[in-house]
N, C-alpha and C. Protein backbone atom coordinates (compact mmCIF):
# COMPACT_ATOMS: atom_id res chain seq x y z
N MET A 1 -25.49 28.82 -11.66
CA MET A 1 -25.54 27.65 -10.80
C MET A 1 -26.97 27.18 -10.62
N ALA A 2 -27.91 28.10 -10.56
CA ALA A 2 -29.31 27.73 -10.40
C ALA A 2 -29.79 26.92 -11.60
N HIS A 3 -29.28 27.24 -12.78
CA HIS A 3 -29.67 26.51 -13.99
C HIS A 3 -29.21 25.05 -13.91
N VAL A 4 -28.00 24.83 -13.41
CA VAL A 4 -27.46 23.48 -13.26
C VAL A 4 -28.29 22.69 -12.26
N LEU A 5 -28.63 23.31 -11.14
CA LEU A 5 -29.43 22.66 -10.12
C LEU A 5 -30.82 22.32 -10.65
N ALA A 6 -31.42 23.24 -11.37
CA ALA A 6 -32.75 22.98 -11.94
C ALA A 6 -32.68 21.83 -12.94
N GLY A 7 -31.62 21.77 -13.74
CA GLY A 7 -31.45 20.67 -14.68
C GLY A 7 -31.30 19.34 -13.98
N PHE A 8 -30.53 19.33 -12.89
CA PHE A 8 -30.33 18.11 -12.11
C PHE A 8 -31.64 17.64 -11.51
N MET A 9 -32.40 18.56 -10.95
CA MET A 9 -33.68 18.20 -10.35
C MET A 9 -34.65 17.68 -11.40
N ASP A 10 -34.59 18.23 -12.61
CA ASP A 10 -35.45 17.76 -13.69
C ASP A 10 -35.10 16.32 -14.05
N ILE A 11 -33.81 16.01 -14.10
CA ILE A 11 -33.38 14.65 -14.42
C ILE A 11 -33.83 13.68 -13.33
N THR A 12 -33.67 14.06 -12.07
CA THR A 12 -34.07 13.16 -10.99
C THR A 12 -35.59 12.96 -10.97
N ASP A 13 -36.34 13.99 -11.32
CA ASP A 13 -37.80 13.83 -11.42
C ASP A 13 -38.16 12.83 -12.51
N ARG A 14 -37.48 12.88 -13.63
CA ARG A 14 -37.75 11.93 -14.71
C ARG A 14 -37.37 10.51 -14.29
N LEU A 15 -36.25 10.36 -13.63
CA LEU A 15 -35.84 9.04 -13.17
C LEU A 15 -36.82 8.49 -12.14
N ARG A 16 -37.33 9.34 -11.28
CA ARG A 16 -38.32 8.90 -10.29
C ARG A 16 -39.60 8.45 -10.99
N PHE A 17 -39.96 9.12 -12.07
CA PHE A 17 -41.15 8.73 -12.82
C PHE A 17 -40.95 7.37 -13.46
N ILE A 18 -39.74 7.09 -13.96
CA ILE A 18 -39.46 5.83 -14.63
C ILE A 18 -39.29 4.69 -13.63
N PHE A 19 -38.46 4.90 -12.61
CA PHE A 19 -38.10 3.83 -11.68
C PHE A 19 -38.94 3.82 -10.41
N GLY A 20 -39.70 4.86 -10.17
CA GLY A 20 -40.47 4.95 -8.94
C GLY A 20 -39.68 5.63 -7.85
N PRO A 21 -40.31 5.95 -6.73
CA PRO A 21 -39.61 6.64 -5.64
C PRO A 21 -38.58 5.72 -4.98
N ALA A 22 -37.59 6.33 -4.37
CA ALA A 22 -36.57 5.56 -3.66
C ALA A 22 -37.19 4.91 -2.43
N THR A 23 -36.80 3.68 -2.17
CA THR A 23 -37.30 3.01 -0.99
C THR A 23 -36.47 3.45 0.21
N GLN A 24 -37.12 3.80 1.25
CA GLN A 24 -36.45 4.33 2.43
C GLN A 24 -36.20 3.27 3.49
N GLY A 25 -37.08 2.30 3.61
CA GLY A 25 -36.95 1.33 4.68
C GLY A 25 -37.47 1.93 5.98
N ASP A 26 -37.38 1.18 7.04
CA ASP A 26 -37.86 1.62 8.35
C ASP A 26 -36.70 2.25 9.11
N PRO A 27 -36.75 3.58 9.35
CA PRO A 27 -35.63 4.23 10.03
C PRO A 27 -35.48 3.84 11.50
N THR A 28 -36.49 3.19 12.08
CA THR A 28 -36.38 2.80 13.48
C THR A 28 -35.68 1.45 13.66
N MET A 29 -35.50 0.72 12.56
CA MET A 29 -34.83 -0.58 12.64
C MET A 29 -33.32 -0.38 12.69
N PRO A 30 -32.62 -1.21 13.46
CA PRO A 30 -31.16 -1.10 13.50
C PRO A 30 -30.55 -1.51 12.18
N VAL A 31 -29.39 -0.97 11.89
CA VAL A 31 -28.68 -1.31 10.66
C VAL A 31 -28.04 -2.68 10.84
N VAL A 32 -28.27 -3.55 9.87
CA VAL A 32 -27.69 -4.89 9.90
C VAL A 32 -26.41 -4.84 9.07
N HIS A 33 -25.31 -5.07 9.74
CA HIS A 33 -24.01 -5.03 9.08
C HIS A 33 -23.53 -6.45 8.87
N LEU A 34 -23.46 -6.87 7.61
CA LEU A 34 -23.03 -8.22 7.30
C LEU A 34 -21.55 -8.21 6.92
N HIS A 35 -20.80 -9.11 7.51
CA HIS A 35 -19.37 -9.21 7.22
C HIS A 35 -19.17 -10.19 6.08
N ASP A 36 -18.47 -9.76 5.05
CA ASP A 36 -18.13 -10.66 3.96
C ASP A 36 -16.65 -11.03 4.06
N GLU A 37 -16.17 -11.82 3.11
CA GLU A 37 -14.78 -12.28 3.16
C GLU A 37 -13.79 -11.12 3.10
N PHE A 38 -14.10 -10.10 2.29
CA PHE A 38 -13.20 -8.95 2.18
C PHE A 38 -13.07 -8.23 3.51
N GLU A 39 -14.18 -8.06 4.23
CA GLU A 39 -14.12 -7.38 5.52
C GLU A 39 -13.33 -8.20 6.53
N HIS A 40 -13.51 -9.51 6.52
CA HIS A 40 -12.73 -10.34 7.44
C HIS A 40 -11.24 -10.25 7.12
N ALA A 41 -10.89 -10.23 5.84
CA ALA A 41 -9.48 -10.09 5.46
C ALA A 41 -8.93 -8.73 5.90
N SER A 42 -9.74 -7.68 5.75
CA SER A 42 -9.31 -6.35 6.16
C SER A 42 -9.10 -6.28 7.67
N GLU A 43 -10.01 -6.89 8.42
CA GLU A 43 -9.87 -6.89 9.88
C GLU A 43 -8.62 -7.65 10.31
N ASP A 44 -8.33 -8.75 9.61
CA ASP A 44 -7.10 -9.50 9.92
C ASP A 44 -5.86 -8.66 9.64
N ASP A 45 -5.88 -7.91 8.53
CA ASP A 45 -4.75 -7.04 8.20
C ASP A 45 -4.59 -5.92 9.23
N LEU A 46 -5.70 -5.31 9.61
CA LEU A 46 -5.65 -4.20 10.57
C LEU A 46 -5.26 -4.67 11.97
N ALA A 47 -5.50 -5.93 12.27
CA ALA A 47 -5.11 -6.45 13.58
C ALA A 47 -3.60 -6.47 13.75
N GLN A 48 -2.86 -6.33 12.67
CA GLN A 48 -1.40 -6.33 12.73
C GLN A 48 -0.83 -4.98 13.15
N PHE A 49 -1.69 -3.99 13.35
CA PHE A 49 -1.24 -2.63 13.67
C PHE A 49 -1.73 -2.19 15.04
N GLU A 50 -0.97 -1.30 15.65
CA GLU A 50 -1.37 -0.62 16.87
C GLU A 50 -1.39 0.87 16.60
N VAL A 51 -2.32 1.58 17.20
CA VAL A 51 -2.40 3.03 17.02
C VAL A 51 -1.57 3.69 18.11
N GLU A 52 -0.64 4.51 17.70
CA GLU A 52 0.23 5.25 18.63
C GLU A 52 -0.17 6.72 18.57
N THR A 53 0.06 7.44 19.65
CA THR A 53 -0.22 8.86 19.72
C THR A 53 1.04 9.57 20.19
N ASP A 54 1.47 10.59 19.44
CA ASP A 54 2.67 11.31 19.85
C ASP A 54 2.30 12.41 20.84
N SER A 55 3.31 13.17 21.27
CA SER A 55 3.10 14.19 22.31
C SER A 55 2.20 15.33 21.84
N GLU A 56 2.05 15.51 20.52
CA GLU A 56 1.19 16.57 20.00
C GLU A 56 -0.22 16.09 19.71
N GLY A 57 -0.50 14.81 19.99
CA GLY A 57 -1.84 14.27 19.79
C GLY A 57 -2.10 13.68 18.41
N HIS A 58 -1.04 13.58 17.60
CA HIS A 58 -1.20 12.96 16.27
C HIS A 58 -1.24 11.45 16.42
N HIS A 59 -2.13 10.81 15.66
CA HIS A 59 -2.26 9.36 15.70
C HIS A 59 -1.61 8.76 14.46
N TYR A 60 -0.97 7.63 14.64
CA TYR A 60 -0.37 6.93 13.52
C TYR A 60 -0.33 5.45 13.85
N ALA A 61 -0.23 4.62 12.80
CA ALA A 61 -0.23 3.18 12.98
C ALA A 61 1.20 2.64 12.93
N VAL A 62 1.45 1.65 13.78
CA VAL A 62 2.75 0.99 13.84
C VAL A 62 2.47 -0.51 13.82
N ARG A 63 3.21 -1.23 12.98
CA ARG A 63 3.06 -2.69 12.97
C ARG A 63 3.44 -3.24 14.34
N LYS A 64 2.69 -4.20 14.81
CA LYS A 64 2.97 -4.80 16.11
C LYS A 64 4.34 -5.45 16.13
N SER A 65 4.79 -5.99 15.01
CA SER A 65 6.11 -6.63 14.97
C SER A 65 7.24 -5.62 15.11
N ASP A 66 6.99 -4.34 14.75
CA ASP A 66 8.01 -3.30 14.87
C ASP A 66 8.12 -2.74 16.27
N THR A 67 7.13 -2.95 17.12
CA THR A 67 7.14 -2.39 18.46
C THR A 67 7.80 -3.32 19.46
N ARG A 68 8.11 -4.53 19.04
CA ARG A 68 8.69 -5.51 19.98
C ARG A 68 10.19 -5.46 19.96
């Protein structure tokens, strides 16, 4: 296993030499989360469900139309 790890580290060292070090950014800045069309569609789909909890604490989703 040590041989595999050493080989992996050698490859990453070569890639760092070619492409440069990874950019880290400023860790003190808040993460900016941008919503795209896919995320809006997913949120619309998920809005159709309610989370139910049974007596044993298991969570499951139920369509809102099925609960009425």
